[in-house]
Amino acid sequence: MTAAARSVLFTATIPITLDKFGSEYVRQLQESGQKVILVSSDGPEVAVLRTRHPTADVRVVPMARAIAPWRDAISLFRWLLLLMRTRPA
């Protein structure tokens, strides 16, 4: 990765979405030198993401698919912290 490489952040509520719909795009971005950060809630497919994309930074942020105002607020707070730490371009 060069000094000019940017971070690209992909997210989905469940990790299987990233695995099934984003894998090819993630591979292409990594081949072009981009740093890829994958973010989803926890699940068995997180291990699959880490195996398929060993150079990607896989992060877990608890997110519920159902509407739950307090849990959603906590997830949003965790998201903001993640964005401040990773600073994707």
PDB file of N, CA and C in Angstrom:
ATOM      1  N   MET A   1       0.849  -1.175   0.000  1.00  0.00           N
ATOM      2  CA  MET A   1       0.000   0.000   0.000  1.00  0.00           C
ATOM      3  C   MET A   1       0.894   1.237   0.000  1.00  0.00           C
ATOM      4  N   THR A   2       0.555   2.181  -0.836  1.00  0.00           N
ATOM      5  CA  THR A   2       1.349   3.393  -0.932  1.00  0.00           C
ATOM      6  C   THR A   2       0.883   4.410   0.099  1.00  0.00           C
ATOM      7  N   ALA A   3       1.664   5.464   0.259  1.00  0.00           N
ATOM      8  CA  ALA A   3       1.309   6.505   1.219  1.00  0.00           C
ATOM      9  C   ALA A   3       0.011   7.199   0.830  1.00  0.00           C
ATOM     10  N   ALA A   4      -0.324   7.196  -0.454  1.00  0.00           N
ATOM     11  CA  ALA A   4      -1.529   7.869  -0.930  1.00  0.00           C
ATOM     12  C   ALA A   4      -2.767   6.974  -0.868  1.00  0.00           C
ATOM     13  N   ALA A   5      -2.614   5.745  -0.426  1.00  0.00           N
ATOM     14  CA  ALA A   5      -3.757   4.828  -0.390  1.00  0.00           C
ATOM     15  C   ALA A   5      -4.815   5.342   0.570  1.00  0.00           C
ATOM     16  N   ARG A   6      -6.062   5.103   0.224  1.00  0.00           N
ATOM     17  CA  ARG A   6      -7.183   5.550   1.038  1.00  0.00           C
ATOM     18  C   ARG A   6      -7.841   4.353   1.685  1.00  0.00           C
ATOM     19  N   SER A   7      -8.552   4.632   2.757  1.00  0.00           N
ATOM     20  CA  SER A   7      -9.340   3.592   3.417  1.00  0.00           C
ATOM     21  C   SER A   7     -10.758   3.632   2.880  1.00  0.00           C
ATOM     22  N   VAL A   8     -11.275   2.467   2.555  1.00  0.00           N
ATOM     23  CA  VAL A   8     -12.648   2.341   2.075  1.00  0.00           C
ATOM     24  C   VAL A   8     -13.399   1.501   3.091  1.00  0.00           C
ATOM     25  N   LEU A   9     -14.537   1.992   3.541  1.00  0.00           N
ATOM     26  CA  LEU A   9     -15.309   1.308   4.566  1.00  0.00           C
ATOM     27  C   LEU A   9     -16.592   0.746   3.946  1.00  0.00           C
ATOM     28  N   PHE A  10     -16.784  -0.566   4.097  1.00  0.00           N
ATOM     29  CA  PHE A  10     -18.013  -1.234   3.663  1.00  0.00           C
ATOM     30  C   PHE A  10     -18.766  -1.676   4.899  1.00  0.00           C
ATOM     31  N   THR A  11     -20.069  -1.528   4.879  1.00  0.00           N
ATOM     32  CA  THR A  11     -20.842  -1.957   6.034  1.00  0.00           C
ATOM     33  C   THR A  11     -22.155  -2.614   5.629  1.00  0.00           C
ATOM     34  N   ALA A  12     -22.619  -3.477   6.505  1.00  0.00           N
ATOM     35  CA  ALA A  12     -23.925  -4.119   6.374  1.00  0.00           C
ATOM     36  C   ALA A  12     -24.351  -4.555   7.762  1.00  0.00           C
ATOM     37  N   THR A  13     -25.648  -4.646   7.966  1.00  0.00           N
ATOM     38  CA  THR A  13     -26.141  -5.056   9.275  1.00  0.00           C
ATOM     39  C   THR A  13     -25.723  -6.473   9.608  1.00  0.00           C
ATOM     40  N   ILE A  14     -25.723  -7.360   8.611  1.00  0.00           N
ATOM     41  CA  ILE A  14     -25.306  -8.744   8.834  1.00  0.00           C
ATOM     42  C   ILE A  14     -24.126  -9.070   7.925  1.00  0.00           C
ATOM     43  N   PRO A  15     -23.182  -9.855   8.418  1.00  0.00           N
ATOM     44  CA  PRO A  15     -21.948 -10.098   7.660  1.00  0.00           C
ATOM     45  C   PRO A  15     -22.136 -10.890   6.368  1.00  0.00           C
ATOM     46  N   ILE A  16     -23.184 -11.692   6.273  1.00  0.00           N
ATOM     47  CA  ILE A  16     -23.375 -12.481   5.049  1.00  0.00           C
ATOM     48  C   ILE A  16     -23.599 -11.569   3.845  1.00  0.00           C
ATOM     49  N   THR A  17     -24.168 -10.396   4.070  1.00  0.00           N
ATOM     50  CA  THR A  17     -24.375  -9.439   2.979  1.00  0.00           C
ATOM     51  C   THR A  17     -23.037  -8.984   2.418  1.00  0.00           C
ATOM     52  N   LEU A  18     -22.093  -8.675   3.290  1.00  0.00           N
ATOM     53  CA  LEU A  18     -20.758  -8.284   2.824  1.00  0.00           C
ATOM     54  C   LEU A  18     -20.092  -9.419   2.070  1.00  0.00           C
ATOM     55  N   ASP A  19     -20.264 -10.635   2.564  1.00  0.00           N
ATOM     56  CA  ASP A  19     -19.642 -11.797   1.939  1.00  0.00           C
ATOM     57  C   ASP A  19     -20.224 -12.057   0.556  1.00  0.00           C
ATOM     58  N   LYS A  20     -21.538 -12.049   0.443  1.00  0.00           N
ATOM     59  CA  LYS A  20     -22.183 -12.427  -0.826  1.00  0.00           C
ATOM     60  C   LYS A  20     -22.175 -11.322  -1.865  1.00  0.00           C
ATOM     61  N   PHE A  21     -22.330 -10.063  -1.455  1.00  0.00           N
ATOM     62  CA  PHE A  21     -22.470  -8.987  -2.428  1.00  0.00           C
ATOM     63  C   PHE A  21     -21.234  -8.104  -2.575  1.00  0.00           C
ATOM     64  N   GLY A  22     -20.311  -8.142  -1.627  1.00  0.00           N
ATOM     65  CA  GLY A  22     -19.177  -7.235  -1.691  1.00  0.00           C
ATOM     66  C   GLY A  22     -17.829  -7.864  -1.922  1.00  0.00           C
ATOM     67  N   SER A  23     -17.739  -9.190  -1.906  1.00  0.00           N
ATOM     68  CA  SER A  23     -16.427  -9.848  -1.963  1.00  0.00           C
ATOM     69  C   SER A  23     -15.607  -9.487  -3.193  1.00  0.00           C
ATOM     70  N   GLU A  24     -16.223  -9.470  -4.350  1.00  0.00           N
ATOM     71  CA  GLU A  24     -15.477  -9.168  -5.579  1.00  0.00           C
ATOM     72  C   GLU A  24     -14.982  -7.723  -5.567  1.00  0.00           C
ATOM     73  N   TYR A  25     -15.827  -6.815  -5.137  1.00  0.00           N
ATOM     74  CA  TYR A  25     -15.435  -5.406  -5.078  1.00  0.00           C
ATOM     75  C   TYR A  25     -14.312  -5.201  -4.058  1.00  0.00           C
ATOM     76  N   VAL A  26     -14.402  -5.872  -2.929  1.00  0.00           N
ATOM     77  CA  VAL A  26     -13.347  -5.789  -1.912  1.00  0.00           C
ATOM     78  C   VAL A  26     -12.032  -6.286  -2.505  1.00  0.00           C
ATOM     79  N   ARG A  27     -12.075  -7.403  -3.191  1.00  0.00           N
ATOM     80  CA  ARG A  27     -10.865  -7.956  -3.809  1.00  0.00           C
ATOM     81  C   ARG A  27     -10.251  -6.962  -4.787  1.00  0.00           C
ATOM     82  N   GLN A  28     -11.081  -6.340  -5.631  1.00  0.00           N
ATOM     83  CA  GLN A  28     -10.572  -5.378  -6.610  1.00  0.00           C
ATOM     84  C   GLN A  28      -9.952  -4.158  -5.937  1.00  0.00           C
ATOM     85  N   LEU A  29     -10.592  -3.663  -4.892  1.00  0.00           N
ATOM     86  CA  LEU A  29     -10.037  -2.515  -4.179  1.00  0.00           C
ATOM     87  C   LEU A  29      -8.697  -2.856  -3.530  1.00  0.00           C
ATOM     88  N   GLN A  30      -8.614  -4.037  -2.939  1.00  0.00           N
ATOM     89  CA  GLN A  30      -7.357  -4.450  -2.318  1.00  0.00           C
ATOM     90  C   GLN A  30      -6.257  -4.595  -3.356  1.00  0.00           C
ATOM     91  N   GLU A  31      -6.595  -5.141  -4.528  1.00  0.00           N
ATOM     92  CA  GLU A  31      -5.595  -5.283  -5.591  1.00  0.00           C
ATOM     93  C   GLU A  31      -5.100  -3.930  -6.086  1.00  0.00           C
ATOM     94  N   SER A  32      -5.957  -2.904  -5.983  1.00  0.00           N
ATOM     95  CA  SER A  32      -5.538  -1.574  -6.430  1.00  0.00           C
ATOM     96  C   SER A  32      -4.817  -0.794  -5.329  1.00  0.00           C
ATOM     97  N   GLY A  33      -4.604  -1.444  -4.159  1.00  0.00           N
ATOM     98  CA  GLY A  33      -3.837  -0.818  -3.101  1.00  0.00           C
ATOM     99  C   GLY A  33      -4.643  -0.096  -2.044  1.00  0.00           C
ATOM    100  N   GLN A  34      -5.949  -0.212  -2.088  1.00  0.00           N
ATOM    101  CA  GLN A  34      -6.794   0.442  -1.096  1.00  0.00           C
ATOM    102  C   GLN A  34      -6.847  -0.378   0.188  1.00  0.00           C
ATOM    103  N   LYS A  35      -6.926   0.306   1.322  1.00  0.00           N
ATOM    104  CA  LYS A  35      -7.140  -0.365   2.601  1.00  0.00           C
ATOM    105  C   LYS A  35      -8.650  -0.519   2.773  1.00  0.00           C
ATOM    106  N   VAL A  36      -9.114  -1.739   2.997  1.00  0.00           N
ATOM    107  CA  VAL A  36     -10.545  -2.013   3.096  1.00  0.00           C
ATOM    108  C   VAL A  36     -10.901  -2.342   4.543  1.00  0.00           C
ATOM    109  N   ILE A  37     -11.952  -1.690   5.042  1.00  0.00           N
ATOM    110  CA  ILE A  37     -12.473  -1.939   6.379  1.00  0.00           C
ATOM    111  C   ILE A  37     -13.895  -2.470   6.215  1.00  0.00           C
ATOM    112  N   LEU A  38     -14.146  -3.672   6.723  1.00  0.00           N
ATOM    113  CA  LEU A  38     -15.473  -4.284   6.650  1.00  0.00           C
ATOM    114  C   LEU A  38     -16.119  -4.203   8.023  1.00  0.00           C
ATOM    115  N   VAL A  39     -17.360  -3.711   8.077  1.00  0.00           N
ATOM    116  CA  VAL A  39     -18.051  -3.528   9.348  1.00  0.00           C
ATOM    117  C   VAL A  39     -19.428  -4.167   9.276  1.00  0.00           C
ATOM    118  N   SER A  40     -19.747  -4.981  10.284  1.00  0.00           N
ATOM    119  CA  SER A  40     -21.078  -5.573  10.392  1.00  0.00           C
ATOM    120  C   SER A  40     -21.323  -5.966  11.837  1.00  0.00           C
ATOM    121  N   SER A  41     -22.522  -6.445  12.090  1.00  0.00           N
ATOM    122  CA  SER A  41     -22.785  -7.015  13.407  1.00  0.00           C
ATOM    123  C   SER A  41     -22.108  -8.378  13.470  1.00  0.00           C
ATOM    124  N   ASP A  42     -22.084  -8.968  14.643  1.00  0.00           N
ATOM    125  CA  ASP A  42     -21.420 -10.255  14.821  1.00  0.00           C
ATOM    126  C   ASP A  42     -22.266 -11.375  14.223  1.00  0.00           C
ATOM    127  N   GLY A  43     -21.621 -12.428  13.834  1.00  0.00           N
ATOM    128  CA  GLY A  43     -22.286 -13.600  13.290  1.00  0.00           C
ATOM    129  C   GLY A  43     -21.251 -14.575  12.785  1.00  0.00           C
ATOM    130  N   PRO A  44     -21.681 -15.781  12.445  1.00  0.00           N
ATOM    131  CA  PRO A  44     -20.710 -16.792  12.003  1.00  0.00           C
ATOM    132  C   PRO A  44     -19.965 -16.416  10.723  1.00  0.00           C
ATOM    133  N   GLU A  45     -20.563 -15.557   9.907  1.00  0.00           N
ATOM    134  CA  GLU A  45     -19.915 -15.177   8.652  1.00  0.00           C
ATOM    135  C   GLU A  45     -18.745 -14.210   8.848  1.00  0.00           C
ATOM    136  N   VAL A  46     -18.597 -13.655  10.051  1.00  0.00           N
ATOM    137  CA  VAL A  46     -17.454 -12.778  10.318  1.00  0.00           C
ATOM    138  C   VAL A  46     -16.152 -13.564  10.140  1.00  0.00           C
ATOM    139  N   ALA A  47     -16.139 -14.789  10.606  1.00  0.00           N
ATOM    140  CA  ALA A  47     -14.955 -15.640  10.424  1.00  0.00           C
ATOM    141  C   ALA A  47     -14.697 -15.902   8.936  1.00  0.00           C
ATOM    142  N   VAL A  48     -15.761 -16.056   8.165  1.00  0.00           N
ATOM    143  CA  VAL A  48     -15.627 -16.259   6.720  1.00  0.00           C
ATOM    144  C   VAL A  48     -15.010 -15.013   6.079  1.00  0.00           C
ATOM    145  N   LEU A  49     -15.485 -13.830   6.482  1.00  0.00           N
ATOM    146  CA  LEU A  49     -14.922 -12.590   5.944  1.00  0.00           C
ATOM    147  C   LEU A  49     -13.427 -12.492   6.247  1.00  0.00           C
ATOM    148  N   ARG A  50     -13.053 -12.833   7.471  1.00  0.00           N
ATOM    149  CA  ARG A  50     -11.637 -12.755   7.852  1.00  0.00           C
ATOM    150  C   ARG A  50     -10.791 -13.747   7.060  1.00  0.00           C
ATOM    151  N   THR A  51     -11.356 -14.901   6.752  1.00  0.00           N
ATOM    152  CA  THR A  51     -10.637 -15.905   5.970  1.00  0.00           C
ATOM    153  C   THR A  51     -10.527 -15.491   4.507  1.00  0.00           C
ATOM    154  N   ARG A  52     -11.619 -15.007   3.918  1.00  0.00           N
ATOM    155  CA  ARG A  52     -11.619 -14.623   2.505  1.00  0.00           C
ATOM    156  C   ARG A  52     -10.820 -13.361   2.236  1.00  0.00           C
ATOM    157  N   HIS A  53     -10.790 -12.463   3.203  1.00  0.00           N
ATOM    158  CA  HIS A  53     -10.100 -11.181   3.028  1.00  0.00           C
ATOM    159  C   HIS A  53      -9.130 -10.964   4.187  1.00  0.00           C
ATOM    160  N   PRO A  54      -8.039 -11.723   4.207  1.00  0.00           N
ATOM    161  CA  PRO A  54      -7.119 -11.654   5.355  1.00  0.00           C
ATOM    162  C   PRO A  54      -6.445 -10.297   5.530  1.00  0.00           C
ATOM    163  N   THR A  55      -6.365  -9.501   4.488  1.00  0.00           N
ATOM    164  CA  THR A  55      -5.735  -8.189   4.632  1.00  0.00           C
ATOM    165  C   THR A  55      -6.744  -7.091   4.942  1.00  0.00           C
ATOM    166  N   ALA A  56      -8.041  -7.415   4.909  1.00  0.00           N
ATOM    167  CA  ALA A  56      -9.067  -6.419   5.260  1.00  0.00           C
ATOM    168  C   ALA A  56      -9.168  -6.302   6.771  1.00  0.00           C
ATOM    169  N   ASP A  57      -9.505  -5.132   7.215  1.00  0.00           N
ATOM    170  CA  ASP A  57      -9.720  -4.869   8.636  1.00  0.00           C
ATOM    171  C   ASP A  57     -11.202  -5.134   8.920  1.00  0.00           C
ATOM    172  N   VAL A  58     -11.511  -6.253   9.549  1.00  0.00           N
ATOM    173  CA  VAL A  58     -12.903  -6.636   9.820  1.00  0.00           C
ATOM    174  C   VAL A  58     -13.262  -6.184  11.231  1.00  0.00           C
ATOM    175  N   ARG A  59     -14.293  -5.350  11.332  1.00  0.00           N
ATOM    176  CA  ARG A  59     -14.741  -4.816  12.620  1.00  0.00           C
ATOM    177  C   ARG A  59     -16.175  -5.244  12.889  1.00  0.00           C
ATOM    178  N   VAL A  60     -16.488  -5.429  14.163  1.00  0.00           N
ATOM    179  CA  VAL A  60     -17.846  -5.802  14.576  1.00  0.00           C
ATOM    180  C   VAL A  60     -18.430  -4.663  15.403  1.00  0.00           C
ATOM    181  N   VAL A  61     -19.588  -4.173  14.959  1.00  0.00           N
ATOM    182  CA  VAL A  61     -20.351  -3.174  15.697  1.00  0.00           C
ATOM    183  C   VAL A  61     -21.734  -3.776  15.918  1.00  0.00           C
ATOM    184  N   PRO A  62     -22.142  -3.998  17.171  1.00  0.00           N
ATOM    185  CA  PRO A  62     -23.459  -4.577  17.412  1.00  0.00           C
ATOM    186  C   PRO A  62     -24.561  -3.706  16.803  1.00  0.00           C
ATOM    187  N   MET A  63     -25.342  -4.309  15.908  1.00  0.00           N
ATOM    188  CA  MET A  63     -26.458  -3.618  15.258  1.00  0.00           C
ATOM    189  C   MET A  63     -27.633  -4.581  15.195  1.00  0.00           C
ATOM    190  N   ALA A  64     -28.816  -4.057  15.452  1.00  0.00           N
ATOM    191  CA  ALA A  64     -30.023  -4.868  15.350  1.00  0.00           C
ATOM    192  C   ALA A  64     -30.774  -4.467  14.086  1.00  0.00           C
ATOM    193  N   ARG A  65     -31.374  -5.425  13.420  1.00  0.00           N
ATOM    194  CA  ARG A  65     -32.152  -5.100  12.231  1.00  0.00           C
ATOM    195  C   ARG A  65     -33.512  -4.534  12.595  1.00  0.00           C
ATOM    196  N   ALA A  66     -34.033  -4.938  13.731  1.00  0.00           N
ATOM    197  CA  ALA A  66     -35.324  -4.406  14.186  1.00  0.00           C
ATOM    198  C   ALA A  66     -35.108  -3.023  14.813  1.00  0.00           C
ATOM    199  N   ILE A  67     -36.141  -2.197  14.764  1.00  0.00           N
ATOM    200  CA  ILE A  67     -36.053  -0.865  15.353  1.00  0.00           C
ATOM    201  C   ILE A  67     -36.065  -0.982  16.873  1.00  0.00           C
ATOM    202  N   ALA A  68     -35.028  -0.421  17.488  1.00  0.00           N
ATOM    203  CA  ALA A  68     -34.902  -0.425  18.947  1.00  0.00           C
ATOM    204  C   ALA A  68     -34.160   0.862  19.319  1.00  0.00           C
ATOM    205  N   PRO A  69     -34.891   1.923  19.677  1.00  0.00           N
ATOM    206  CA  PRO A  69     -34.265   3.243  19.835  1.00  0.00           C
ATOM    207  C   PRO A  69     -33.028   3.284  20.724  1.00  0.00           C
ATOM    208  N   TRP A  70     -33.045   2.662  21.885  1.00  0.00           N
ATOM    209  CA  TRP A  70     -31.873   2.721  22.764  1.00  0.00           C
ATOM    210  C   TRP A  70     -30.698   1.949  22.188  1.00  0.00           C
ATOM    211  N   ARG A  71     -30.966   0.756  21.687  1.00  0.00           N
ATOM    212  CA  ARG A  71     -29.878  -0.023  21.078  1.00  0.00           C
ATOM    213  C   ARG A  71     -29.353   0.679  19.832  1.00  0.00           C
ATOM    214  N   ASP A  72     -30.259   1.295  19.068  1.00  0.00           N
ATOM    215  CA  ASP A  72     -29.827   2.029  17.874  1.00  0.00           C
ATOM    216  C   ASP A  72     -28.938   3.210  18.249  1.00  0.00           C
ATOM    217  N   ALA A  73     -29.271   3.904  19.324  1.00  0.00           N
ATOM    218  CA  ALA A  73     -28.450   5.035  19.776  1.00  0.00           C
ATOM    219  C   ALA A  73     -27.060   4.563  20.202  1.00  0.00           C
ATOM    220  N   ILE A  74     -27.001   3.440  20.881  1.00  0.00           N
ATOM    221  CA  ILE A  74     -25.704   2.883  21.292  1.00  0.00           C
ATOM    222  C   ILE A  74     -24.891   2.466  20.068  1.00  0.00           C
ATOM    223  N   SER A  75     -25.555   1.845  19.100  1.00  0.00           N
ATOM    224  CA  SER A  75     -24.867   1.455  17.866  1.00  0.00           C
ATOM    225  C   SER A  75     -24.349   2.672  17.123  1.00  0.00           C
ATOM    226  N   LEU A  76     -25.155   3.723  17.064  1.00  0.00           N
ATOM    227  CA  LEU A  76     -24.725   4.953  16.402  1.00  0.00           C
ATOM    228  C   LEU A  76     -23.496   5.530  17.099  1.00  0.00           C
ATOM    229  N   PHE A  77     -23.490   5.551  18.411  1.00  0.00           N
ATOM    230  CA  PHE A  77     -22.341   6.037  19.166  1.00  0.00           C
ATOM    231  C   PHE A  77     -21.094   5.205  18.846  1.00  0.00           C
ATOM    232  N   ARG A  78     -21.247   3.890  18.824  1.00  0.00           N
ATOM    233  CA  ARG A  78     -20.107   3.016  18.486  1.00  0.00           C
ATOM    234  C   ARG A  78     -19.628   3.260  17.066  1.00  0.00           C
ATOM    235  N   TRP A  79     -20.575   3.524  16.156  1.00  0.00           N
ATOM    236  CA  TRP A  79     -20.228   3.832  14.776  1.00  0.00           C
ATOM    237  C   TRP A  79     -19.409   5.110  14.694  1.00  0.00           C
ATOM    238  N   LEU A  80     -19.850   6.127  15.410  1.00  0.00           N
ATOM    239  CA  LEU A  80     -19.115   7.391  15.385  1.00  0.00           C
ATOM    240  C   LEU A  80     -17.695   7.222  15.922  1.00  0.00           C
ATOM    241  N   LEU A  81     -17.552   6.443  16.979  1.00  0.00           N
ATOM    242  CA  LEU A  81     -16.214   6.159  17.502  1.00  0.00           C
ATOM    243  C   LEU A  81     -15.359   5.443  16.457  1.00  0.00           C
ATOM    244  N   LEU A  82     -15.948   4.468  15.789  1.00  0.00           N
ATOM    245  CA  LEU A  82     -15.216   3.737  14.747  1.00  0.00           C
ATOM    246  C   LEU A  82     -14.781   4.669  13.619  1.00  0.00           C
ATOM    247  N   LEU A  83     -15.669   5.542  13.192  1.00  0.00           N
ATOM    248  CA  LEU A  83     -15.332   6.477  12.117  1.00  0.00           C
ATOM    249  C   LEU A  83     -14.232   7.442  12.541  1.00  0.00           C
ATOM    250  N   MET A  84     -14.270   7.893  13.783  1.00  0.00           N
ATOM    251  CA  MET A  84     -13.214   8.787  14.266  1.00  0.00           C
ATOM    252  C   MET A  84     -11.863   8.065  14.333  1.00  0.00           C
ATOM    253  N   ARG A  85     -11.891   6.780  14.677  1.00  0.00           N
ATOM    254  CA  ARG A  85     -10.631   6.024  14.791  1.00  0.00           C
ATOM    255  C   ARG A  85     -10.058   5.654  13.429  1.00  0.00           C
ATOM    256  N   THR A  86     -10.913   5.253  12.495  1.00  0.00           N
ATOM    257  CA  THR A  86     -10.426   4.764  11.211  1.00  0.00           C
ATOM    258  C   THR A  86     -10.269   5.858  10.173  1.00  0.00           C
ATOM    259  N   ARG A  87     -11.059   6.912  10.257  1.00  0.00           N
ATOM    260  CA  ARG A  87     -11.021   8.045   9.347  1.00  0.00           C
ATOM    261  C   ARG A  87     -10.961   7.602   7.888  1.00  0.00           C
ATOM    262  N   PRO A  88     -11.993   6.882   7.409  1.00  0.00           N
ATOM    263  CA  PRO A  88     -11.976   6.456   6.002  1.00  0.00           C
ATOM    264  C   PRO A  88     -12.079   7.656   5.057  1.00  0.00           C
ATOM    265  N   ALA A  89     -11.478   7.492   3.878  1.00  0.00           N
ATOM    266  CA  ALA A  89     -11.484   8.596   2.914  1.00  0.00           C
ATOM    267  C   ALA A  89     -12.669   8.508   1.992  1.00  0.00           C
TER     268      ALA A  89
END
